[in-house]
Amino acid sequence: MNLKNHRTLLALIGLAALGCAAAASMSAGAAEEPKVLIKDFLFTPLSLTVKAGTAVTWVNMDDEPHNVISDTGLFRSGGFDTNESFSHKFDKPGTYRITCSIHPRMVATIVVE
């Protein structure tokens, strides 16, 4: 391999390495949507803090249907069964008390900054 081909190969390897680093950086920066698991008739976590504009997803891991409602009437899901989910995007800062109206002892708090 002559010097020109060697330099071209090194340049291509360098560009490939930069591309891999950029792709890793982009995927590391892409935050996953916050999830609240519903299991054993509890919301987990009981309290979640998110930035305004964030969507939160509730996932039912129980064998019973649940729903998710906010105390302010901002949203109300329909009932959803095992492995089904419901999402809501919180646009305004505030503290939102969440409950399952089917099982009123199930409560949680979403704090939006």
PDB file of N, CA and C in Angstrom:
ATOM      1  N   MET A   1       0.855  -1.169   0.000  1.00  0.00           N
ATOM      2  CA  MET A   1       0.000   0.000   0.000  1.00  0.00           C
ATOM      3  C   MET A   1       0.900   1.231   0.000  1.00  0.00           C
ATOM      4  N   ASN A   2       0.627   2.161  -0.921  1.00  0.00           N
ATOM      5  CA  ASN A   2       1.450   3.367  -0.967  1.00  0.00           C
ATOM      6  C   ASN A   2       0.974   4.383   0.074  1.00  0.00           C
ATOM      7  N   LEU A   3       1.758   5.417   0.269  1.00  0.00           N
ATOM      8  CA  LEU A   3       1.494   6.418   1.315  1.00  0.00           C
ATOM      9  C   LEU A   3       0.149   7.119   1.104  1.00  0.00           C
ATOM     10  N   LYS A   4      -0.201   7.434  -0.146  1.00  0.00           N
ATOM     11  CA  LYS A   4      -1.466   8.122  -0.433  1.00  0.00           C
ATOM     12  C   LYS A   4      -2.653   7.237  -0.035  1.00  0.00           C
ATOM     13  N   ASN A   5      -2.613   5.951  -0.406  1.00  0.00           N
ATOM     14  CA  ASN A   5      -3.693   5.030  -0.046  1.00  0.00           C
ATOM     15  C   ASN A   5      -3.771   4.828   1.466  1.00  0.00           C
ATOM     16  N   HIS A   6      -2.610   4.806   2.114  1.00  0.00           N
ATOM     17  CA  HIS A   6      -2.562   4.642   3.566  1.00  0.00           C
ATOM     18  C   HIS A   6      -3.236   5.831   4.256  1.00  0.00           C
ATOM     19  N   ARG A   7      -2.924   7.048   3.791  1.00  0.00           N
ATOM     20  CA  ARG A   7      -3.537   8.257   4.370  1.00  0.00           C
ATOM     21  C   ARG A   7      -5.044   8.272   4.126  1.00  0.00           C
ATOM     22  N   THR A   8      -5.466   7.856   2.940  1.00  0.00           N
ATOM     23  CA  THR A   8      -6.892   7.813   2.627  1.00  0.00           C
ATOM     24  C   THR A   8      -7.600   6.823   3.549  1.00  0.00           C
ATOM     25  N   LEU A   9      -6.991   5.662   3.752  1.00  0.00           N
ATOM     26  CA  LEU A   9      -7.567   4.668   4.644  1.00  0.00           C
ATOM     27  C   LEU A   9      -7.667   5.193   6.075  1.00  0.00           C
ATOM     28  N   LEU A  10      -6.620   5.844   6.568  1.00  0.00           N
ATOM     29  CA  LEU A  10      -6.653   6.420   7.916  1.00  0.00           C
ATOM     30  C   LEU A  10      -7.719   7.505   8.038  1.00  0.00           C
ATOM     31  N   ALA A  11      -7.875   8.307   6.994  1.00  0.00           N
ATOM     32  CA  ALA A  11      -8.903   9.355   7.012  1.00  0.00           C
ATOM     33  C   ALA A  11     -10.298   8.731   7.075  1.00  0.00           C
ATOM     34  N   LEU A  12     -10.522   7.668   6.307  1.00  0.00           N
ATOM     35  CA  LEU A  12     -11.816   6.994   6.325  1.00  0.00           C
ATOM     36  C   LEU A  12     -12.095   6.357   7.687  1.00  0.00           C
ATOM     37  N   ILE A  13     -11.076   5.759   8.288  1.00  0.00           N
ATOM     38  CA  ILE A  13     -11.243   5.171   9.616  1.00  0.00           C
ATOM     39  C   ILE A  13     -11.583   6.260  10.635  1.00  0.00           C
ATOM     40  N   GLY A  14     -10.916   7.410  10.537  1.00  0.00           N
ATOM     41  CA  GLY A  14     -11.196   8.533  11.435  1.00  0.00           C
ATOM     42  C   GLY A  14     -12.622   9.040  11.281  1.00  0.00           C
ATOM     43  N   LEU A  15     -13.094   9.163  10.036  1.00  0.00           N
ATOM     44  CA  LEU A  15     -14.470   9.611   9.799  1.00  0.00           C
ATOM     45  C   LEU A  15     -15.479   8.601  10.339  1.00  0.00           C
ATOM     46  N   ALA A  16     -15.175   7.331  10.157  1.00  0.00           N
ATOM     47  CA  ALA A  16     -16.070   6.301  10.686  1.00  0.00           C
ATOM     48  C   ALA A  16     -16.140   6.372  12.200  1.00  0.00           C
ATOM     49  N   ALA A  17     -14.996   6.585  12.843  1.00  0.00           N
ATOM     50  CA  ALA A  17     -14.974   6.694  14.302  1.00  0.00           C
ATOM     51  C   ALA A  17     -15.773   7.903  14.772  1.00  0.00           C
ATOM     52  N   LEU A  18     -15.642   9.026  14.075  1.00  0.00           N
ATOM     53  CA  LEU A  18     -16.419  10.221  14.428  1.00  0.00           C
ATOM     54  C   LEU A  18     -17.910   9.967  14.255  1.00  0.00           C
ATOM     55  N   GLY A  19     -18.288   9.278  13.204  1.00  0.00           N
ATOM     56  CA  GLY A  19     -19.697   8.965  12.978  1.00  0.00           C
ATOM     57  C   GLY A  19     -20.260   8.085  14.080  1.00  0.00           C
ATOM     58  N   CYS A  20     -19.478   7.094  14.507  1.00  0.00           N
ATOM     59  CA  CYS A  20     -19.925   6.216  15.600  1.00  0.00           C
ATOM     60  C   CYS A  20     -20.072   7.001  16.896  1.00  0.00           C
ATOM     61  N   ALA A  21     -19.121   7.889  17.174  1.00  0.00           N
ATOM     62  CA  ALA A  21     -19.188   8.688  18.400  1.00  0.00           C
ATOM     63  C   ALA A  21     -20.402   9.609  18.376  1.00  0.00           C
ATOM     64  N   ALA A  22     -20.694  10.203  17.218  1.00  0.00           N
ATOM     65  CA  ALA A  22     -21.857  11.095  17.111  1.00  0.00           C
ATOM     66  C   ALA A  22     -23.146  10.311  17.296  1.00  0.00           C
ATOM     67  N   ALA A  23     -23.232   9.129  16.710  1.00  0.00           N
ATOM     68  CA  ALA A  23     -24.432   8.309  16.859  1.00  0.00           C
ATOM     69  C   ALA A  23     -24.630   7.889  18.309  1.00  0.00           C
ATOM     70  N   ALA A  24     -23.556   7.526  18.989  1.00  0.00           N
ATOM     71  CA  ALA A  24     -23.648   7.137  20.406  1.00  0.00           C
ATOM     72  C   ALA A  24     -24.080   8.319  21.245  1.00  0.00           C
ATOM     73  N   SER A  25     -23.574   9.491  20.944  1.00  0.00           N
ATOM     74  CA  SER A  25     -23.932  10.696  21.689  1.00  0.00           C
ATOM     75  C   SER A  25     -25.410  11.022  21.503  1.00  0.00           C
ATOM     76  N   MET A  26     -25.912  10.894  20.272  1.00  0.00           N
ATOM     77  CA  MET A  26     -27.318  11.205  20.010  1.00  0.00           C
ATOM     78  C   MET A  26     -28.230  10.215  20.722  1.00  0.00           C
ATOM     79  N   SER A  27     -27.884   8.933  20.710  1.00  0.00           N
ATOM     80  CA  SER A  27     -28.762   7.968  21.362  1.00  0.00           C
ATOM     81  C   SER A  27     -28.688   8.096  22.873  1.00  0.00           C
ATOM     82  N   ALA A  28     -27.537   8.492  23.417  1.00  0.00           N
ATOM     83  CA  ALA A  28     -27.423   8.696  24.862  1.00  0.00           C
ATOM     84  C   ALA A  28     -28.213   9.916  25.294  1.00  0.00           C
ATOM     85  N   GLY A  29     -28.337  10.909  24.406  1.00  0.00           N
ATOM     86  CA  GLY A  29     -29.051  12.124  24.756  1.00  0.00           C
ATOM     87  C   GLY A  29     -30.556  11.998  24.609  1.00  0.00           C
ATOM     88  N   ALA A  30     -31.011  10.987  23.894  1.00  0.00           N
ATOM     89  CA  ALA A  30     -32.444  10.805  23.691  1.00  0.00           C
ATOM     90  C   ALA A  30     -33.026  10.106  24.915  1.00  0.00           C
ATOM     91  N   ALA A  31     -33.677  10.881  25.758  1.00  0.00           N
ATOM     92  CA  ALA A  31     -34.222  10.327  26.994  1.00  0.00           C
ATOM     93  C   ALA A  31     -35.460   9.497  26.689  1.00  0.00           C
ATOM     94  N   GLU A  32     -35.583   8.407  27.389  1.00  0.00           N
ATOM     95  CA  GLU A  32     -36.754   7.571  27.229  1.00  0.00           C
ATOM     96  C   GLU A  32     -37.916   8.202  27.986  1.00  0.00           C
ATOM     97  N   GLU A  33     -39.107   8.052  27.432  1.00  0.00           N
ATOM     98  CA  GLU A  33     -40.303   8.589  28.066  1.00  0.00           C
ATOM     99  C   GLU A  33     -40.469   7.977  29.460  1.00  0.00           C
ATOM    100  N   PRO A  34     -40.699   8.820  30.481  1.00  0.00           N
ATOM    101  CA  PRO A  34     -40.875   8.280  31.842  1.00  0.00           C
ATOM    102  C   PRO A  34     -42.092   7.360  31.918  1.00  0.00           C
ATOM    103  N   LYS A  35     -41.936   6.278  32.671  1.00  0.00           N
ATOM    104  CA  LYS A  35     -43.021   5.315  32.835  1.00  0.00           C
ATOM    105  C   LYS A  35     -43.379   5.162  34.311  1.00  0.00           C
ATOM    106  N   VAL A  36     -44.665   4.994  34.551  1.00  0.00           N
ATOM    107  CA  VAL A  36     -45.172   4.651  35.870  1.00  0.00           C
ATOM    108  C   VAL A  36     -45.795   3.266  35.719  1.00  0.00           C
ATOM    109  N   LEU A  37     -45.266   2.311  36.468  1.00  0.00           N
ATOM    110  CA  LEU A  37     -45.807   0.958  36.414  1.00  0.00           C
ATOM    111  C   LEU A  37     -46.954   0.816  37.404  1.00  0.00           C
ATOM    112  N   ILE A  38     -47.977   0.110  37.001  1.00  0.00           N
ATOM    113  CA  ILE A  38     -49.096  -0.206  37.881  1.00  0.00           C
ATOM    114  C   ILE A  38     -48.979  -1.693  38.190  1.00  0.00           C
ATOM    115  N   LYS A  39     -48.619  -1.989  39.420  1.00  0.00           N
ATOM    116  CA  LYS A  39     -48.379  -3.374  39.829  1.00  0.00           C
ATOM    117  C   LYS A  39     -48.774  -3.522  41.284  1.00  0.00           C
ATOM    118  N   ASP A  40     -49.463  -4.610  41.610  1.00  0.00           N
ATOM    119  CA  ASP A  40     -49.916  -4.877  42.978  1.00  0.00           C
ATOM    120  C   ASP A  40     -50.768  -3.732  43.520  1.00  0.00           C
ATOM    121  N   PHE A  41     -51.587  -3.151  42.646  1.00  0.00           N
ATOM    122  CA  PHE A  41     -52.496  -2.063  43.008  1.00  0.00           C
ATOM    123  C   PHE A  41     -51.750  -0.845  43.558  1.00  0.00           C
ATOM    124  N   LEU A  42     -50.568  -0.585  43.000  1.00  0.00           N
ATOM    125  CA  LEU A  42     -49.754   0.586  43.346  1.00  0.00           C
ATOM    126  C   LEU A  42     -49.212   1.231  42.076  1.00  0.00           C
ATOM    127  N   PHE A  43     -49.044   2.554  42.125  1.00  0.00           N
ATOM    128  CA  PHE A  43     -48.304   3.267  41.092  1.00  0.00           C
ATOM    129  C   PHE A  43     -46.842   3.280  41.524  1.00  0.00           C
ATOM    130  N   THR A  44     -45.938   2.901  40.629  1.00  0.00           N
ATOM    131  CA  THR A  44     -44.512   2.917  40.951  1.00  0.00           C
ATOM    132  C   THR A  44     -43.767   3.652  39.854  1.00  0.00           C
ATOM    133  N   PRO A  45     -43.122   4.786  40.177  1.00  0.00           N
ATOM    134  CA  PRO A  45     -42.952   5.353  41.510  1.00  0.00           C
ATOM    135  C   PRO A  45     -44.217   6.086  41.969  1.00  0.00           C
ATOM    136  N   LEU A  46     -44.279   6.300  43.280  1.00  0.00           N
ATOM    137  CA  LEU A  46     -45.411   7.035  43.853  1.00  0.00           C
ATOM    138  C   LEU A  46     -45.340   8.517  43.527  1.00  0.00           C
ATOM    139  N   SER A  47     -44.126   9.007  43.294  1.00  0.00           N
ATOM    140  CA  SER A  47     -43.921  10.405  42.938  1.00  0.00           C
ATOM    141  C   SER A  47     -42.894  10.463  41.807  1.00  0.00           C
ATOM    142  N   LEU A  48     -43.179  11.293  40.817  1.00  0.00           N
ATOM    143  CA  LEU A  48     -42.307  11.426  39.661  1.00  0.00           C
ATOM    144  C   LEU A  48     -42.180  12.901  39.321  1.00  0.00           C
ATOM    145  N   THR A  49     -40.960  13.362  39.085  1.00  0.00           N
ATOM    146  CA  THR A  49     -40.717  14.749  38.690  1.00  0.00           C
ATOM    147  C   THR A  49     -40.239  14.772  37.250  1.00  0.00           C
ATOM    148  N   VAL A  50     -40.890  15.595  36.418  1.00  0.00           N
ATOM    149  CA  VAL A  50     -40.553  15.702  35.001  1.00  0.00           C
ATOM    150  C   VAL A  50     -40.503  17.170  34.599  1.00  0.00           C
ATOM    151  N   LYS A  51     -39.915  17.440  33.469  1.00  0.00           N
ATOM    152  CA  LYS A  51     -39.894  18.789  32.899  1.00  0.00           C
ATOM    153  C   LYS A  51     -41.194  19.024  32.121  1.00  0.00           C
ATOM    154  N   ALA A  52     -41.634  20.278  32.052  1.00  0.00           N
ATOM    155  CA  ALA A  52     -42.810  20.628  31.259  1.00  0.00           C
ATOM    156  C   ALA A  52     -42.581  20.185  29.815  1.00  0.00           C
ATOM    157  N   GLY A  53     -43.629  19.661  29.200  1.00  0.00           N
ATOM    158  CA  GLY A  53     -43.526  19.160  27.832  1.00  0.00           C
ATOM    159  C   GLY A  53     -43.217  17.678  27.754  1.00  0.00           C
ATOM    160  N   THR A  54     -43.110  17.027  28.905  1.00  0.00           N
ATOM    161  CA  THR A  54     -42.787  15.599  28.950  1.00  0.00           C
ATOM    162  C   THR A  54     -44.055  14.769  28.992  1.00  0.00           C
ATOM    163  N   ALA A  55     -44.068  13.691  28.221  1.00  0.00           N
ATOM    164  CA  ALA A  55     -45.173  12.734  28.281  1.00  0.00           C
ATOM    165  C   ALA A  55     -44.817  11.645  29.281  1.00  0.00           C
ATOM    166  N   VAL A  56     -45.770  11.280  30.093  1.00  0.00           N
ATOM    167  CA  VAL A  56     -45.615  10.193  31.066  1.00  0.00           C
ATOM    168  C   VAL A  56     -46.536   9.064  30.622  1.00  0.00           C
ATOM    169  N   THR A  57     -46.032   7.836  30.693  1.00  0.00           N
ATOM    170  CA  THR A  57     -46.823   6.664  30.315  1.00  0.00           C
ATOM    171  C   THR A  57     -47.037   5.771  31.528  1.00  0.00           C
ATOM    172  N   TRP A  58     -48.287   5.391  31.752  1.00  0.00           N
ATOM    173  CA  TRP A  58     -48.647   4.434  32.792  1.00  0.00           C
ATOM    174  C   TRP A  58     -48.844   3.088  32.124  1.00  0.00           C
ATOM    175  N   VAL A  59     -48.237   2.041  32.671  1.00  0.00           N
ATOM    176  CA  VAL A  59     -48.331   0.695  32.112  1.00  0.00           C
ATOM    177  C   VAL A  59     -48.956  -0.226  33.156  1.00  0.00           C
ATOM    178  N   ASN A  60     -50.056  -0.882  32.800  1.00  0.00           N
ATOM    179  CA  ASN A  60     -50.755  -1.767  33.724  1.00  0.00           C
ATOM    180  C   ASN A  60     -50.097  -3.153  33.716  1.00  0.00           C
ATOM    181  N   MET A  61     -49.484  -3.512  34.825  1.00  0.00           N
ATOM    182  CA  MET A  61     -48.850  -4.822  34.986  1.00  0.00           C
ATOM    183  C   MET A  61     -49.677  -5.735  35.900  1.00  0.00           C
ATOM    184  N   ASP A  62     -50.863  -5.269  36.292  1.00  0.00           N
ATOM    185  CA  ASP A  62     -51.763  -6.070  37.130  1.00  0.00           C
ATOM    186  C   ASP A  62     -52.688  -6.913  36.257  1.00  0.00           C
ATOM    187  N   ASP A  63     -53.337  -7.874  36.891  1.00  0.00           N
ATOM    188  CA  ASP A  63     -54.322  -8.703  36.188  1.00  0.00           C
ATOM    189  C   ASP A  63     -55.716  -8.098  36.256  1.00  0.00           C
ATOM    190  N   GLU A  64     -55.817  -6.892  36.756  1.00  0.00           N
ATOM    191  CA  GLU A  64     -57.094  -6.180  36.872  1.00  0.00           C
ATOM    192  C   GLU A  64     -57.019  -4.890  36.051  1.00  0.00           C
ATOM    193  N   PRO A  65     -58.146  -4.410  35.536  1.00  0.00           N
ATOM    194  CA  PRO A  65     -58.128  -3.135  34.815  1.00  0.00           C
ATOM    195  C   PRO A  65     -57.916  -1.960  35.779  1.00  0.00           C
ATOM    196  N   HIS A  66     -57.296  -0.913  35.268  1.00  0.00           N
ATOM    197  CA  HIS A  66     -57.084   0.327  36.022  1.00  0.00           C
ATOM    198  C   HIS A  66     -57.367   1.500  35.099  1.00  0.00           C
ATOM    199  N   ASN A  67     -57.472   2.677  35.676  1.00  0.00           N
ATOM    200  CA  ASN A  67     -57.493   3.907  34.901  1.00  0.00           C
ATOM    201  C   ASN A  67     -56.640   4.932  35.618  1.00  0.00           C
ATOM    202  N   VAL A  68     -56.415   6.062  34.964  1.00  0.00           N
ATOM    203  CA  VAL A  68     -55.578   7.123  35.515  1.00  0.00           C
ATOM    204  C   VAL A  68     -56.319   8.433  35.321  1.00  0.00           C
ATOM    205  N   ILE A  69     -56.562   9.137  36.442  1.00  0.00           N
ATOM    206  CA  ILE A  69     -57.228  10.441  36.344  1.00  0.00           C
ATOM    207  C   ILE A  69     -56.456  11.455  37.175  1.00  0.00           C
ATOM    208  N   SER A  70     -56.491  12.706  36.728  1.00  0.00           N
ATOM    209  CA  SER A  70     -55.857  13.778  37.503  1.00  0.00           C
ATOM    210  C   SER A  70     -56.920  14.440  38.375  1.00  0.00           C
ATOM    211  N   ASP A  71     -56.491  14.912  39.531  1.00  0.00           N
ATOM    212  CA  ASP A  71     -57.433  15.548  40.455  1.00  0.00           C
ATOM    213  C   ASP A  71     -57.976  16.859  39.915  1.00  0.00           C
ATOM    214  N   THR A  72     -57.283  17.458  38.951  1.00  0.00           N
ATOM    215  CA  THR A  72     -57.724  18.736  38.392  1.00  0.00           C
ATOM    216  C   THR A  72     -58.649  18.570  37.199  1.00  0.00           C
ATOM    217  N   GLY A  73     -58.862  17.317  36.762  1.00  0.00           N
ATOM    218  CA  GLY A  73     -59.691  17.085  35.584  1.00  0.00           C
ATOM    219  C   GLY A  73     -58.927  17.299  34.283  1.00  0.00           C
ATOM    220  N   LEU A  74     -57.606  17.446  34.379  1.00  0.00           N
ATOM    221  CA  LEU A  74     -56.788  17.672  33.190  1.00  0.00           C
ATOM    222  C   LEU A  74     -56.903  16.510  32.205  1.00  0.00           C
ATOM    223  N   PHE A  75     -56.954  15.298  32.716  1.00  0.00           N
ATOM    224  CA  PHE A  75     -57.106  14.126  31.859  1.00  0.00           C
ATOM    225  C   PHE A  75     -57.769  13.003  32.635  1.00  0.00           C
ATOM    226  N   ARG A  76     -58.322  12.076  31.885  1.00  0.00           N
ATOM    227  CA  ARG A  76     -58.943  10.880  32.456  1.00  0.00           C
ATOM    228  C   ARG A  76     -58.822   9.785  31.406  1.00  0.00           C
ATOM    229  N   SER A  77     -58.096   8.733  31.751  1.00  0.00           N
ATOM    230  CA  SER A  77     -57.986   7.621  30.805  1.00  0.00           C
ATOM    231  C   SER A  77     -59.234   6.761  30.899  1.00  0.00           C
ATOM    232  N   GLY A  78     -59.448   5.970  29.902  1.00  0.00           N
ATOM    233  CA  GLY A  78     -60.428   4.904  30.009  1.00  0.00           C
ATOM    234  C   GLY A  78     -59.771   3.774  30.787  1.00  0.00           C
ATOM    235  N   GLY A  79     -60.512   2.731  31.065  1.00  0.00           N
ATOM    236  CA  GLY A  79     -59.912   1.578  31.724  1.00  0.00           C
ATOM    237  C   GLY A  79     -58.941   0.889  30.776  1.00  0.00           C
ATOM    238  N   PHE A  80     -57.835   0.418  31.308  1.00  0.00           N
ATOM    239  CA  PHE A  80     -56.908  -0.340  30.470  1.00  0.00           C
ATOM    240  C   PHE A  80     -56.444  -1.583  31.208  1.00  0.00           C
ATOM    241  N   ASP A  81     -56.305  -2.665  30.445  1.00  0.00           N
ATOM    242  CA  ASP A  81     -56.039  -3.986  30.991  1.00  0.00           C
ATOM    243  C   ASP A  81     -54.545  -4.300  31.063  1.00  0.00           C
ATOM    244  N   THR A  82     -54.249  -5.525  31.446  1.00  0.00           N
ATOM    245  CA  THR A  82     -52.871  -6.006  31.582  1.00  0.00           C
ATOM    246  C   THR A  82     -52.072  -5.736  30.310  1.00  0.00           C
ATOM    247  N   ASN A  83     -50.884  -5.159  30.505  1.00  0.00           N
ATOM    248  CA  ASN A  83     -49.940  -4.825  29.432  1.00  0.00           C
ATOM    249  C   ASN A  83     -50.405  -3.696  28.522  1.00  0.00           C
ATOM    250  N   GLU A  84     -51.512  -3.060  28.835  1.00  0.00           N
ATOM    251  CA  GLU A  84     -51.931  -1.880  28.087  1.00  0.00           C
ATOM    252  C   GLU A  84     -51.396  -0.646  28.799  1.00  0.00           C
ATOM    253  N   SER A  85     -51.392   0.476  28.073  1.00  0.00           N
ATOM    254  CA  SER A  85     -50.828   1.688  28.658  1.00  0.00           C
ATOM    255  C   SER A  85     -51.643   2.915  28.277  1.00  0.00           C
ATOM    256  N   PHE A  86     -51.359   3.985  28.987  1.00  0.00           N
ATOM    257  CA  PHE A  86     -51.975   5.288  28.750  1.00  0.00           C
ATOM    258  C   PHE A  86     -50.886   6.335  28.912  1.00  0.00           C
ATOM    259  N   SER A  87     -50.858   7.332  28.022  1.00  0.00           N
ATOM    260  CA  SER A  87     -49.861   8.408  28.106  1.00  0.00           C
ATOM    261  C   SER A  87     -50.545   9.760  28.150  1.00  0.00           C
ATOM    262  N   HIS A  88     -49.889  10.683  28.842  1.00  0.00           N
ATOM    263  CA  HIS A  88     -50.346  12.079  28.874  1.00  0.00           C
ATOM    264  C   HIS A  88     -49.124  12.981  28.872  1.00  0.00           C
ATOM    265  N   LYS A  89     -49.179  14.044  28.061  1.00  0.00           N
ATOM    266  CA  LYS A  89     -48.099  15.030  27.994  1.00  0.00           C
ATOM    267  C   LYS A  89     -48.438  16.179  28.935  1.00  0.00           C
ATOM    268  N   PHE A  90     -47.526  16.458  29.865  1.00  0.00           N
ATOM    269  CA  PHE A  90     -47.701  17.532  30.846  1.00  0.00           C
ATOM    270  C   PHE A  90     -47.033  18.802  30.317  1.00  0.00           C
ATOM    271  N   ASP A  91     -47.849  19.772  29.919  1.00  0.00           N
ATOM    272  CA  ASP A  91     -47.313  21.004  29.338  1.00  0.00           C
ATOM    273  C   ASP A  91     -47.051  22.104  30.356  1.00  0.00           C
ATOM    274  N   LYS A  92     -47.816  22.125  31.446  1.00  0.00           N
ATOM    275  CA  LYS A  92     -47.707  23.213  32.413  1.00  0.00           C
ATOM    276  C   LYS A  92     -47.089  22.754  33.720  1.00  0.00           C
ATOM    277  N   PRO A  93     -46.177  23.563  34.290  1.00  0.00           N
ATOM    278  CA  PRO A  93     -45.626  23.222  35.612  1.00  0.00           C
ATOM    279  C   PRO A  93     -46.725  23.154  36.665  1.00  0.00           C
ATOM    280  N   GLY A  94     -46.504  22.311  37.633  1.00  0.00           N
ATOM    281  CA  GLY A  94     -47.455  22.167  38.726  1.00  0.00           C
ATOM    282  C   GLY A  94     -47.303  20.802  39.371  1.00  0.00           C
ATOM    283  N   THR A  95     -48.116  20.575  40.395  1.00  0.00           N
ATOM    284  CA  THR A  95     -48.134  19.286  41.076  1.00  0.00           C
ATOM    285  C   THR A  95     -49.495  18.669  40.827  1.00  0.00           C
ATOM    286  N   TYR A  96     -49.494  17.470  40.264  1.00  0.00           N
ATOM    287  CA  TYR A  96     -50.712  16.794  39.866  1.00  0.00           C
ATOM    288  C   TYR A  96     -50.887  15.517  40.680  1.00  0.00           C
ATOM    289  N   ARG A  97     -52.025  15.427  41.358  1.00  0.00           N
ATOM    290  CA  ARG A  97     -52.351  14.218  42.119  1.00  0.00           C
ATOM    291  C   ARG A  97     -53.079  13.288  41.157  1.00  0.00           C
ATOM    292  N   ILE A  98     -52.624  12.050  41.114  1.00  0.00           N
ATOM    293  CA  ILE A  98     -53.158  11.058  40.194  1.00  0.00           C
ATOM    294  C   ILE A  98     -53.816   9.949  41.010  1.00  0.00           C
ATOM    295  N   THR A  99     -54.936   9.431  40.512  1.00  0.00           N
ATOM    296  CA  THR A  99     -55.592   8.316  41.181  1.00  0.00           C
ATOM    297  C   THR A  99     -56.182   7.365  40.148  1.00  0.00           C
ATOM    298  N   CYS A 100     -56.506   6.178  40.595  1.00  0.00           N
ATOM    299  CA  CYS A 100     -57.274   5.217  39.802  1.00  0.00           C
ATOM    300  C   CYS A 100     -58.679   5.257  40.380  1.00  0.00           C
ATOM    301  N   SER A 101     -59.653   5.694  39.608  1.00  0.00           N
ATOM    302  CA  SER A 101     -61.004   5.814  40.163  1.00  0.00           C
ATOM    303  C   SER A 101     -61.643   4.448  40.403  1.00  0.00           C
ATOM    304  N   ILE A 102     -61.114   3.409  39.786  1.00  0.00           N
ATOM    305  CA  ILE A 102     -61.620   2.056  40.030  1.00  0.00           C
ATOM    306  C   ILE A 102     -61.155   1.567  41.404  1.00  0.00           C
ATOM    307  N   HIS A 103     -59.928   1.983  41.775  1.00  0.00           N
ATOM    308  CA  HIS A 103     -59.326   1.603  43.067  1.00  0.00           C
ATOM    309  C   HIS A 103     -58.795   2.885  43.718  1.00  0.00           C
ATOM    310  N   PRO A 104     -59.660   3.657  44.384  1.00  0.00           N
ATOM    311  CA  PRO A 104     -59.314   4.997  44.866  1.00  0.00           C
ATOM    312  C   PRO A 104     -58.150   5.073  45.859  1.00  0.00           C
ATOM    313  N   ARG A 105     -57.769   3.944  46.447  1.00  0.00           N
ATOM    314  CA  ARG A 105     -56.611   3.998  47.358  1.00  0.00           C
ATOM    315  C   ARG A 105     -55.297   4.106  46.577  1.00  0.00           C
ATOM    316  N   MET A 106     -55.366   3.883  45.264  1.00  0.00           N
ATOM    317  CA  MET A 106     -54.176   4.019  44.416  1.00  0.00           C
ATOM    318  C   MET A 106     -53.987   5.491  44.077  1.00  0.00           C
ATOM    319  N   VAL A 107     -52.934   6.087  44.620  1.00  0.00           N
ATOM    320  CA  VAL A 107     -52.649   7.503  44.377  1.00  0.00           C
ATOM    321  C   VAL A 107     -51.169   7.679  44.077  1.00  0.00           C
ATOM    322  N   ALA A 108     -50.864   8.731  43.340  1.00  0.00           N
ATOM    323  CA  ALA A 108     -49.479   9.094  43.022  1.00  0.00           C
ATOM    324  C   ALA A 108     -49.431  10.579  42.753  1.00  0.00           C
ATOM    325  N   THR A 109     -48.229  11.108  42.636  1.00  0.00           N
ATOM    326  CA  THR A 109     -48.040  12.540  42.363  1.00  0.00           C
ATOM    327  C   THR A 109     -47.070  12.712  41.212  1.00  0.00           C
ATOM    328  N   ILE A 110     -47.430  13.591  40.273  1.00  0.00           N
ATOM    329  CA  ILE A 110     -46.527  13.984  39.201  1.00  0.00           C
ATOM    330  C   ILE A 110     -46.204  15.453  39.418  1.00  0.00           C
ATOM    331  N   VAL A 111     -44.931  15.761  39.564  1.00  0.00           N
ATOM    332  CA  VAL A 111     -44.473  17.142  39.727  1.00  0.00           C
ATOM    333  C   VAL A 111     -43.863  17.566  38.393  1.00  0.00           C
ATOM    334  N   VAL A 112     -44.385  18.651  37.839  1.00  0.00           N
ATOM    335  CA  VAL A 112     -43.915  19.153  36.545  1.00  0.00           C
ATOM    336  C   VAL A 112     -43.195  20.461  36.783  1.00  0.00           C
ATOM    337  N   GLU A 113     -41.938  20.500  36.411  1.00  0.00           N
ATOM    338  CA  GLU A 113     -41.121  21.713  36.603  1.00  0.00           C
ATOM    339  C   GLU A 113     -41.098  22.581  35.368  1.00  0.00           C
TER     340      GLU A 113
END
